[in-house]
PDB file of N, CA and C in Angstrom:
ATOM      1  N   MET A   1      71.801   2.180  84.905  1.00  0.00           N
ATOM      2  CA  MET A   1      70.505   2.085  84.616  1.00  0.00           C
ATOM      3  C   MET A   1      69.585   1.213  85.329  1.00  0.00           C
ATOM      4  N   ILE A   2      68.448   1.415  85.580  1.00  0.00           N
ATOM      5  CA  ILE A   2      67.539   0.569  86.439  1.00  0.00           C
ATOM      6  C   ILE A   2      66.605   0.191  85.600  1.00  0.00           C
ATOM      7  N   LEU A   3      65.986  -0.992  85.827  1.00  0.00           N
ATOM      8  CA  LEU A   3      64.835  -1.680  85.190  1.00  0.00           C
ATOM      9  C   LEU A   3      63.935  -2.038  86.059  1.00  0.00           C
ATOM     10  N   GLU A   4      62.868  -1.353  86.047  1.00  0.00           N
ATOM     11  CA  GLU A   4      61.622  -1.336  86.611  1.00  0.00           C
ATOM     12  C   GLU A   4      60.796  -2.670  85.953  1.00  0.00           C
ATOM     13  N   VAL A   5      60.138  -3.452  86.703  1.00  0.00           N
ATOM     14  CA  VAL A   5      59.522  -4.727  86.400  1.00  0.00           C
ATOM     15  C   VAL A   5      58.356  -4.754  86.967  1.00  0.00           C
ATOM     16  N   ALA A   6      57.017  -4.964  86.304  1.00  0.00           N
ATOM     17  CA  ALA A   6      55.677  -5.106  86.998  1.00  0.00           C
ATOM     18  C   ALA A   6      55.121  -6.121  86.250  1.00  0.00           C
ATOM     19  N   ILE A   7      54.406  -7.243  86.880  1.00  0.00           N
ATOM     20  CA  ILE A   7      53.615  -7.939  86.260  1.00  0.00           C
ATOM     21  C   ILE A   7      52.069  -7.403  86.611  1.00  0.00           C
ATOM     22  N   LEU A   8      51.455  -7.354  85.328  1.00  0.00           N
ATOM     23  CA  LEU A   8      50.136  -6.691  85.566  1.00  0.00           C
ATOM     24  C   LEU A   8      49.108  -7.714  85.256  1.00  0.00           C
ATOM     25  N   THR A   9      48.254  -7.830  86.319  1.00  0.00           N
ATOM     26  CA  THR A   9      47.028  -8.706  85.870  1.00  0.00           C
ATOM     27  C   THR A   9      45.933  -8.228  85.986  1.00  0.00           C
ATOM     28  N   ILE A  10      45.372  -7.997  84.812  1.00  0.00           N
ATOM     29  CA  ILE A  10      43.899  -7.091  84.206  1.00  0.00           C
ATOM     30  C   ILE A  10      42.739  -7.831  84.784  1.00  0.00           C
ATOM     31  N   ARG A  11      41.763  -6.868  85.049  1.00  0.00           N
ATOM     32  CA  ARG A  11      40.554  -7.803  85.345  1.00  0.00           C
ATOM     33  C   ARG A  11      39.954  -8.498  84.098  1.00  0.00           C
ATOM     34  N   GLN A  12      39.320  -9.677  84.227  1.00  0.00           N
ATOM     35  CA  GLN A  12      38.726 -10.201  83.265  1.00  0.00           C
ATOM     36  C   GLN A  12      37.790  -9.573  82.219  1.00  0.00           C
ATOM     37  N   GLY A  13      38.059  -9.779  81.080  1.00  0.00           N
ATOM     38  CA  GLY A  13      37.341  -9.236  79.978  1.00  0.00           C
ATOM     39  C   GLY A  13      37.805  -7.445  79.705  1.00  0.00           C
ATOM     40  N   LEU A  14      38.670  -7.086  80.239  1.00  0.00           N
ATOM     41  CA  LEU A  14      39.006  -5.697  80.245  1.00  0.00           C
ATOM     42  C   LEU A  14      40.362  -5.536  79.535  1.00  0.00           C
ATOM     43  N   THR A  15      40.904  -6.695  78.873  1.00  0.00           N
ATOM     44  CA  THR A  15      42.201  -6.163  78.232  1.00  0.00           C
ATOM     45  C   THR A  15      42.551  -5.590  77.248  1.00  0.00           C
ATOM     46  N   ARG A  16      41.329  -5.337  76.200  1.00  0.00           N
ATOM     47  CA  ARG A  16      41.366  -4.336  75.010  1.00  0.00           C
ATOM     48  C   ARG A  16      41.444  -2.697  75.690  1.00  0.00           C
ATOM     49  N   GLU A  17      40.496  -2.803  76.648  1.00  0.00           N
ATOM     50  CA  GLU A  17      40.264  -1.379  77.016  1.00  0.00           C
ATOM     51  C   GLU A  17      41.812  -1.156  77.695  1.00  0.00           C
ATOM     52  N   PHE A  18      42.468  -1.795  78.643  1.00  0.00           N
ATOM     53  CA  PHE A  18      43.602  -1.759  79.244  1.00  0.00           C
ATOM     54  C   PHE A  18      44.542  -1.241  78.179  1.00  0.00           C
ATOM     55  N   GLU A  19      44.794  -2.312  77.084  1.00  0.00           N
ATOM     56  CA  GLU A  19      45.718  -1.727  76.190  1.00  0.00           C
ATOM     57  C   GLU A  19      45.428  -0.375  75.413  1.00  0.00           C
ATOM     58  N   ALA A  20      44.526   0.036  75.245  1.00  0.00           N
ATOM     59  CA  ALA A  20      44.008   1.311  74.779  1.00  0.00           C
ATOM     60  C   ALA A  20      44.420   2.470  75.674  1.00  0.00           C
ATOM     61  N   SER A  21      44.257   2.236  76.906  1.00  0.00           N
ATOM     62  CA  SER A  21      44.488   3.046  77.938  1.00  0.00           C
ATOM     63  C   SER A  21      46.195   3.235  78.046  1.00  0.00           C
ATOM     64  N   PHE A  22      46.771   2.044  77.912  1.00  0.00           N
ATOM     65  CA  PHE A  22      47.917   1.961  78.197  1.00  0.00           C
ATOM     66  C   PHE A  22      48.826   2.758  77.132  1.00  0.00           C
ATOM     67  N   LYS A  23      47.966   2.700  76.020  1.00  0.00           N
ATOM     68  CA  LYS A  23      48.641   3.367  74.616  1.00  0.00           C
ATOM     69  C   LYS A  23      48.738   4.916  75.104  1.00  0.00           C
ATOM     70  N   GLU A  24      47.570   5.239  75.589  1.00  0.00           N
ATOM     71  CA  GLU A  24      47.365   6.645  76.108  1.00  0.00           C
ATOM     72  C   GLU A  24      48.386   7.064  77.174  1.00  0.00           C
ATOM     73  N   ALA A  25      48.567   6.105  78.129  1.00  0.00           N
ATOM     74  CA  ALA A  25      49.317   6.472  79.383  1.00  0.00           C
ATOM     75  C   ALA A  25      50.856   6.369  79.004  1.00  0.00           C
ATOM     76  N   SER A  26      51.246   5.613  77.950  1.00  0.00           N
ATOM     77  CA  SER A  26      52.771   5.685  77.460  1.00  0.00           C
ATOM     78  C   SER A  26      53.248   7.047  77.265  1.00  0.00           C
ATOM     79  N   ARG A  27      52.602   7.949  76.565  1.00  0.00           N
ATOM     80  CA  ARG A  27      52.910   9.210  76.533  1.00  0.00           C
ATOM     81  C   ARG A  27      53.383   9.863  77.594  1.00  0.00           C
ATOM     82  N   ILE A  28      52.712   9.773  78.897  1.00  0.00           N
ATOM     83  CA  ILE A  28      52.845  10.273  80.315  1.00  0.00           C
ATOM     84  C   ILE A  28      54.248   9.720  80.618  1.00  0.00           C
ATOM     85  N   ILE A  29      54.453   8.406  80.467  1.00  0.00           N
ATOM     86  CA  ILE A  29      55.562   7.984  81.416  1.00  0.00           C
ATOM     87  C   ILE A  29      57.059   8.553  80.407  1.00  0.00           C
ATOM     88  N   ALA A  30      56.744   8.374  79.008  1.00  0.00           N
ATOM     89  CA  ALA A  30      57.862   8.779  78.014  1.00  0.00           C
ATOM     90  C   ALA A  30      58.239  10.277  78.370  1.00  0.00           C
ATOM     91  N   SER A  31      57.434  10.935  78.834  1.00  0.00           N
ATOM     92  CA  SER A  31      57.665  12.308  79.183  1.00  0.00           C
ATOM     93  C   SER A  31      58.658  12.730  80.348  1.00  0.00           C
ATOM     94  N   MET A  32      58.812  11.742  81.036  1.00  0.00           N
ATOM     95  CA  MET A  32      59.285  12.180  82.507  1.00  0.00           C
ATOM     96  C   MET A  32      61.020  12.100  82.221  1.00  0.00           C
ATOM     97  N   LYS A  33      61.450  12.887  83.433  1.00  0.00           N
ATOM     98  CA  LYS A  33      62.828  13.056  83.514  1.00  0.00           C
ATOM     99  C   LYS A  33      63.670  11.619  83.829  1.00  0.00           C
ATOM    100  N   GLY A  34      64.625  11.101  83.252  1.00  0.00           N
ATOM    101  CA  GLY A  34      65.116   9.910  83.628  1.00  0.00           C
ATOM    102  C   GLY A  34      64.532   8.724  82.848  1.00  0.00           C
ATOM    103  N   TYR A  35      63.487   8.859  82.055  1.00  0.00           N
ATOM    104  CA  TYR A  35      62.837   7.670  81.233  1.00  0.00           C
ATOM    105  C   TYR A  35      63.782   7.498  80.360  1.00  0.00           C
ATOM    106  N   VAL A  36      64.094   6.501  79.883  1.00  0.00           N
ATOM    107  CA  VAL A  36      64.912   5.722  78.769  1.00  0.00           C
ATOM    108  C   VAL A  36      64.027   5.172  77.771  1.00  0.00           C
ATOM    109  N   ASN A  37      63.408   3.923  78.137  1.00  0.00           N
ATOM    110  CA  ASN A  37      62.398   3.414  77.223  1.00  0.00           C
ATOM    111  C   ASN A  37      61.405   2.469  78.149  1.00  0.00           C
ATOM    112  N   HIS A  38      60.406   1.966  77.439  1.00  0.00           N
ATOM    113  CA  HIS A  38      59.735   1.111  78.101  1.00  0.00           C
ATOM    114  C   HIS A  38      59.238  -0.060  77.027  1.00  0.00           C
ATOM    115  N   GLU A  39      58.501  -1.286  77.502  1.00  0.00           N
ATOM    116  CA  GLU A  39      57.658  -2.090  76.583  1.00  0.00           C
ATOM    117  C   GLU A  39      56.717  -2.805  77.471  1.00  0.00           C
ATOM    118  N   LEU A  40      55.756  -3.241  77.073  1.00  0.00           N
ATOM    119  CA  LEU A  40      54.475  -3.820  77.749  1.00  0.00           C
ATOM    120  C   LEU A  40      54.556  -5.265  76.709  1.00  0.00           C
ATOM    121  N   GLN A  41      54.390  -6.460  77.514  1.00  0.00           N
ATOM    122  CA  GLN A  41      54.336  -7.746  76.645  1.00  0.00           C
ATOM    123  C   GLN A  41      53.207  -8.491  77.251  1.00  0.00           C
ATOM    124  N   SER A  42      52.387  -9.081  76.385  1.00  0.00           N
ATOM    125  CA  SER A  42      51.293  -9.877  76.759  1.00  0.00           C
ATOM    126  C   SER A  42      51.903 -11.229  77.303  1.00  0.00           C
ATOM    127  N   CYS A  43      51.217 -11.891  78.058  1.00  0.00           N
ATOM    128  CA  CYS A  43      51.711 -13.136  78.468  1.00  0.00           C
ATOM    129  C   CYS A  43      50.938 -14.139  77.521  1.00  0.00           C
ATOM    130  N   ILE A  44      51.504 -15.291  77.005  1.00  0.00           N
ATOM    131  CA  ILE A  44      51.072 -16.249  76.175  1.00  0.00           C
ATOM    132  C   ILE A  44      50.035 -17.301  77.019  1.00  0.00           C
ATOM    133  N   GLU A  45      50.414 -17.705  78.093  1.00  0.00           N
ATOM    134  CA  GLU A  45      49.772 -18.442  78.787  1.00  0.00           C
ATOM    135  C   GLU A  45      48.394 -18.005  79.753  1.00  0.00           C
ATOM    136  N   ASN A  46      48.517 -16.756  80.053  1.00  0.00           N
ATOM    137  CA  ASN A  46      47.616 -15.821  80.715  1.00  0.00           C
ATOM    138  C   ASN A  46      46.984 -14.854  79.667  1.00  0.00           C
ATOM    139  N   ASP A  47      45.934 -14.805  79.196  1.00  0.00           N
ATOM    140  CA  ASP A  47      45.520 -13.770  78.262  1.00  0.00           C
ATOM    141  C   ASP A  47      45.287 -12.627  79.184  1.00  0.00           C
ATOM    142  N   HIS A  48      45.209 -12.417  80.236  1.00  0.00           N
ATOM    143  CA  HIS A  48      44.938 -11.081  81.222  1.00  0.00           C
ATOM    144  C   HIS A  48      45.920 -10.608  81.839  1.00  0.00           C
ATOM    145  N   GLN A  49      47.289 -11.282  81.525  1.00  0.00           N
ATOM    146  CA  GLN A  49      48.564 -10.903  82.308  1.00  0.00           C
ATOM    147  C   GLN A  49      49.592 -10.355  81.410  1.00  0.00           C
ATOM    148  N   TYR A  50      50.357  -9.132  81.913  1.00  0.00           N
ATOM    149  CA  TYR A  50      51.179  -8.637  81.134  1.00  0.00           C
ATOM    150  C   TYR A  50      52.492  -8.139  81.888  1.00  0.00           C
ATOM    151  N   ILE A  51      53.441  -7.818  81.352  1.00  0.00           N
ATOM    152  CA  ILE A  51      54.491  -7.517  81.910  1.00  0.00           C
ATOM    153  C   ILE A  51      55.215  -6.199  81.454  1.00  0.00           C
ATOM    154  N   LEU A  52      55.272  -5.242  82.401  1.00  0.00           N
ATOM    155  CA  LEU A  52      55.803  -3.920  82.071  1.00  0.00           C
ATOM    156  C   LEU A  52      57.136  -3.961  82.306  1.00  0.00           C
ATOM    157  N   LEU A  53      58.022  -3.460  81.327  1.00  0.00           N
ATOM    158  CA  LEU A  53      59.687  -3.095  81.621  1.00  0.00           C
ATOM    159  C   LEU A  53      59.898  -1.680  81.477  1.00  0.00           C
ATOM    160  N   VAL A  54      60.324  -1.206  82.160  1.00  0.00           N
ATOM    161  CA  VAL A  54      60.788   0.398  82.269  1.00  0.00           C
ATOM    162  C   VAL A  54      62.178   0.657  82.561  1.00  0.00           C
ATOM    163  N   HIS A  55      62.882   1.161  81.551  1.00  0.00           N
ATOM    164  CA  HIS A  55      64.193   1.372  82.015  1.00  0.00           C
ATOM    165  C   HIS A  55      64.218   3.119  82.380  1.00  0.00           C
ATOM    166  N   TRP A  56      64.864   3.199  83.374  1.00  0.00           N
ATOM    167  CA  TRP A  56      65.116   4.501  84.037  1.00  0.00           C
ATOM    168  C   TRP A  56      66.558   4.768  84.318  1.00  0.00           C
ATOM    169  N   GLU A  57      67.106   6.153  84.195  1.00  0.00           N
ATOM    170  CA  GLU A  57      68.426   6.343  84.308  1.00  0.00           C
ATOM    171  C   GLU A  57      68.938   6.166  85.662  1.00  0.00           C
ATOM    172  N   THR A  58      67.954   6.312  86.927  1.00  0.00           N
ATOM    173  CA  THR A  58      68.374   6.181  88.398  1.00  0.00           C
ATOM    174  C   THR A  58      66.866   5.525  88.806  1.00  0.00           C
ATOM    175  N   LEU A  59      67.071   4.941  90.276  1.00  0.00           N
ATOM    176  CA  LEU A  59      65.929   4.678  90.757  1.00  0.00           C
ATOM    177  C   LEU A  59      65.030   5.629  91.283  1.00  0.00           C
ATOM    178  N   GLU A  60      65.815   6.871  91.677  1.00  0.00           N
ATOM    179  CA  GLU A  60      64.983   7.873  91.964  1.00  0.00           C
ATOM    180  C   GLU A  60      64.049   8.602  90.870  1.00  0.00           C
ATOM    181  N   ASP A  61      64.700   8.374  89.745  1.00  0.00           N
ATOM    182  CA  ASP A  61      63.777   8.905  88.569  1.00  0.00           C
ATOM    183  C   ASP A  61      62.414   8.327  88.697  1.00  0.00           C
ATOM    184  N   HIS A  62      62.109   6.892  88.853  1.00  0.00           N
ATOM    185  CA  HIS A  62      60.985   6.265  88.939  1.00  0.00           C
ATOM    186  C   HIS A  62      60.366   6.757  90.426  1.00  0.00           C
ATOM    187  N   THR A  63      60.999   6.135  91.328  1.00  0.00           N
ATOM    188  CA  THR A  63      60.476   6.152  92.715  1.00  0.00           C
ATOM    189  C   THR A  63      60.004   7.704  93.279  1.00  0.00           C
ATOM    190  N   VAL A  64      60.745   8.804  93.069  1.00  0.00           N
ATOM    191  CA  VAL A  64      60.644  10.102  93.383  1.00  0.00           C
ATOM    192  C   VAL A  64      60.099  11.013  92.279  1.00  0.00           C
ATOM    193  N   GLY A  65      60.851  11.054  91.294  1.00  0.00           N
ATOM    194  CA  GLY A  65      60.439  11.846  90.124  1.00  0.00           C
ATOM    195  C   GLY A  65      59.232  11.703  89.371  1.00  0.00           C
ATOM    196  N   PHE A  66      58.874  10.227  89.255  1.00  0.00           N
ATOM    197  CA  PHE A  66      57.749  10.015  88.305  1.00  0.00           C
ATOM    198  C   PHE A  66      56.427   9.699  89.617  1.00  0.00           C
ATOM    199  N   ARG A  67      56.608   8.987  90.609  1.00  0.00           N
ATOM    200  CA  ARG A  67      55.520   8.513  91.603  1.00  0.00           C
ATOM    201  C   ARG A  67      55.201   9.886  92.240  1.00  0.00           C
ATOM    202  N   GLU A  68      55.955  10.714  92.437  1.00  0.00           N
ATOM    203  CA  GLU A  68      55.441  11.825  93.267  1.00  0.00           C
ATOM    204  C   GLU A  68      54.935  13.253  92.325  1.00  0.00           C
ATOM    205  N   SER A  69      55.153  12.814  91.037  1.00  0.00           N
ATOM    206  CA  SER A  69      54.686  13.811  90.145  1.00  0.00           C
ATOM    207  C   SER A  69      52.989  14.123  89.839  1.00  0.00           C
ATOM    208  N   GLN A  70      52.850  15.175  89.117  1.00  0.00           N
ATOM    209  CA  GLN A  70      51.433  15.115  88.974  1.00  0.00           C
ATOM    210  C   GLN A  70      50.969  14.609  87.838  1.00  0.00           C
ATOM    211  N   PRO A  71      51.837  14.304  86.789  1.00  0.00           N
ATOM    212  CA  PRO A  71      51.656  13.327  85.442  1.00  0.00           C
ATOM    213  C   PRO A  71      51.343  11.938  86.241  1.00  0.00           C
ATOM    214  N   TYR A  72      51.756  11.294  87.227  1.00  0.00           N
ATOM    215  CA  TYR A  72      51.570  10.420  87.722  1.00  0.00           C
ATOM    216  C   TYR A  72      50.063  10.029  88.290  1.00  0.00           C
ATOM    217  N   GLN A  73      49.537  11.173  88.607  1.00  0.00           N
ATOM    218  CA  GLN A  73      47.858  11.127  89.078  1.00  0.00           C
ATOM    219  C   GLN A  73      47.424  10.841  87.636  1.00  0.00           C
ATOM    220  N   GLU A  74      47.657  11.155  86.588  1.00  0.00           N
ATOM    221  CA  GLU A  74      47.052  11.047  85.324  1.00  0.00           C
ATOM    222  C   GLU A  74      47.220   9.683  84.892  1.00  0.00           C
ATOM    223  N   TRP A  75      48.391   8.946  85.073  1.00  0.00           N
ATOM    224  CA  TRP A  75      48.698   7.608  84.727  1.00  0.00           C
ATOM    225  C   TRP A  75      47.813   6.728  85.711  1.00  0.00           C
ATOM    226  N   LYS A  76      47.646   6.778  87.176  1.00  0.00           N
ATOM    227  CA  LYS A  76      46.980   6.265  87.993  1.00  0.00           C
ATOM    228  C   LYS A  76      45.486   6.192  87.507  1.00  0.00           C
ATOM    229  N   ALA A  77      44.967   7.408  86.991  1.00  0.00           N
ATOM    230  CA  ALA A  77      43.519   7.365  86.721  1.00  0.00           C
ATOM    231  C   ALA A  77      43.180   6.371  85.466  1.00  0.00           C
ATOM    232  N   LEU A  78      44.284   6.559  84.695  1.00  0.00           N
ATOM    233  CA  LEU A  78      44.250   5.663  83.155  1.00  0.00           C
ATOM    234  C   LEU A  78      44.209   4.258  83.505  1.00  0.00           C
ATOM    235  N   LEU A  79      45.106   3.882  84.494  1.00  0.00           N
ATOM    236  CA  LEU A  79      45.533   2.443  84.655  1.00  0.00           C
ATOM    237  C   LEU A  79      45.268   1.647  85.593  1.00  0.00           C
ATOM    238  N   HIS A  80      45.256   2.342  86.794  1.00  0.00           N
ATOM    239  CA  HIS A  80      44.936   1.372  88.210  1.00  0.00           C
ATOM    240  C   HIS A  80      43.737   0.757  88.366  1.00  0.00           C
ATOM    241  N   HIS A  81      42.645   1.175  87.714  1.00  0.00           N
ATOM    242  CA  HIS A  81      41.246   0.183  88.094  1.00  0.00           C
ATOM    243  C   HIS A  81      41.182  -0.874  87.128  1.00  0.00           C
ATOM    244  N   TYR A  82      42.460  -1.110  86.449  1.00  0.00           N
ATOM    245  CA  TYR A  82      42.282  -2.323  85.568  1.00  0.00           C
ATOM    246  C   TYR A  82      42.920  -3.501  86.425  1.00  0.00           C
ATOM    247  N   TYR A  83      43.725  -3.383  87.395  1.00  0.00           N
ATOM    248  CA  TYR A  83      44.469  -4.177  87.975  1.00  0.00           C
ATOM    249  C   TYR A  83      43.859  -5.095  89.224  1.00  0.00           C
ATOM    250  N   ASP A  84      44.139  -6.396  89.053  1.00  0.00           N
ATOM    251  CA  ASP A  84      43.439  -7.121  90.201  1.00  0.00           C
ATOM    252  C   ASP A  84      44.413  -8.451  90.038  1.00  0.00           C
ATOM    253  N   PRO A  85      45.106  -8.607  91.126  1.00  0.00           N
ATOM    254  CA  PRO A  85      45.328  -7.657  92.296  1.00  0.00           C
ATOM    255  C   PRO A  85      46.366  -6.551  91.829  1.00  0.00           C
ATOM    256  N   PHE A  86      46.587  -5.691  92.885  1.00  0.00           N
ATOM    257  CA  PHE A  86      47.472  -4.544  92.538  1.00  0.00           C
ATOM    258  C   PHE A  86      48.774  -4.911  92.141  1.00  0.00           C
ATOM    259  N   PRO A  87      49.556  -4.464  91.116  1.00  0.00           N
ATOM    260  CA  PRO A  87      51.111  -5.089  90.850  1.00  0.00           C
ATOM    261  C   PRO A  87      52.181  -4.875  91.817  1.00  0.00           C
ATOM    262  N   THR A  88      52.939  -5.798  92.056  1.00  0.00           N
ATOM    263  CA  THR A  88      54.188  -5.430  92.850  1.00  0.00           C
ATOM    264  C   THR A  88      55.128  -4.879  91.810  1.00  0.00           C
ATOM    265  N   VAL A  89      56.043  -4.132  92.214  1.00  0.00           N
ATOM    266  CA  VAL A  89      56.563  -3.290  91.147  1.00  0.00           C
ATOM    267  C   VAL A  89      58.221  -3.622  91.886  1.00  0.00           C
ATOM    268  N   GLU A  90      59.128  -3.950  91.049  1.00  0.00           N
ATOM    269  CA  GLU A  90      60.626  -4.403  91.716  1.00  0.00           C
ATOM    270  C   GLU A  90      61.561  -3.694  90.779  1.00  0.00           C
ATOM    271  N   HIS A  91      62.679  -3.341  90.957  1.00  0.00           N
ATOM    272  CA  HIS A  91      63.660  -2.729  90.250  1.00  0.00           C
ATOM    273  C   HIS A  91      64.842  -3.458  90.409  1.00  0.00           C
ATOM    274  N   TYR A  92      65.597  -3.814  89.208  1.00  0.00           N
ATOM    275  CA  TYR A  92      66.593  -4.579  89.106  1.00  0.00           C
ATOM    276  C   TYR A  92      67.741  -3.584  88.528  1.00  0.00           C
ATOM    277  N   GLU A  93      69.085  -4.025  88.698  1.00  0.00           N
ATOM    278  CA  GLU A  93      70.229  -3.430  87.862  1.00  0.00           C
ATOM    279  C   GLU A  93      71.190  -4.463  87.336  1.00  0.00           C
ATOM    280  N   GLN A  94      71.713  -4.285  86.370  1.00  0.00           N
ATOM    281  CA  GLN A  94      72.588  -5.215  85.543  1.00  0.00           C
ATOM    282  C   GLN A  94      73.533  -5.625  86.290  1.00  0.00           C
ATOM    283  N   VAL A  95      73.907  -6.998  86.374  1.00  0.00           N
ATOM    284  CA  VAL A  95      75.141  -7.625  86.813  1.00  0.00           C
ATOM    285  C   VAL A  95      76.106  -7.674  85.948  1.00  0.00           C
ATOM    286  N   GLN A  96      77.401  -7.115  86.198  1.00  0.00           N
ATOM    287  CA  GLN A  96      78.501  -6.984  85.192  1.00  0.00           C
ATOM    288  C   GLN A  96      79.168  -8.650  85.494  1.00  0.00           C
ATOM    289  N   LEU A  97      79.059  -9.204  84.397  1.00  0.00           N
ATOM    290  CA  LEU A  97      79.843 -10.510  84.278  1.00  0.00           C
ATOM    291  C   LEU A  97      81.031 -10.520  83.420  1.00  0.00           C
ATOM    292  N   ASP A  98      82.209 -10.180  84.183  1.00  0.00           N
ATOM    293  CA  ASP A  98      83.654  -9.858  83.333  1.00  0.00           C
ATOM    294  C   ASP A  98      83.842 -11.433  83.467  1.00  0.00           C
ATOM    295  N   HIS A  99      84.454 -11.807  82.331  1.00  0.00           N
ATOM    296  CA  HIS A  99      85.104 -13.152  82.130  1.00  0.00           C
ATOM    297  C   HIS A  99      86.599 -13.196  82.518  1.00  0.00           C
TER     298      HIS A  99
END
């Protein structure tokens, strides 16, 4: 399983609108092949910053299946205009810590 991590910095004064749009956009990502789950958390120290965590079955489910899909265009239209700067997205995999 892959964990997608994005720090989202939202333009000042638009956090309520962003959250409403994100709620709508959540149905898009949840419908994609390889999607497992996601969560959006707001930052306590910076009220216009969020972290998005998405679990995917494979890296390609996100980088190809989602990002190259028609539903991604709707996702972009709903959310990308809120970001300043545009977020860096990174992917992680669990480290097995056998004792």
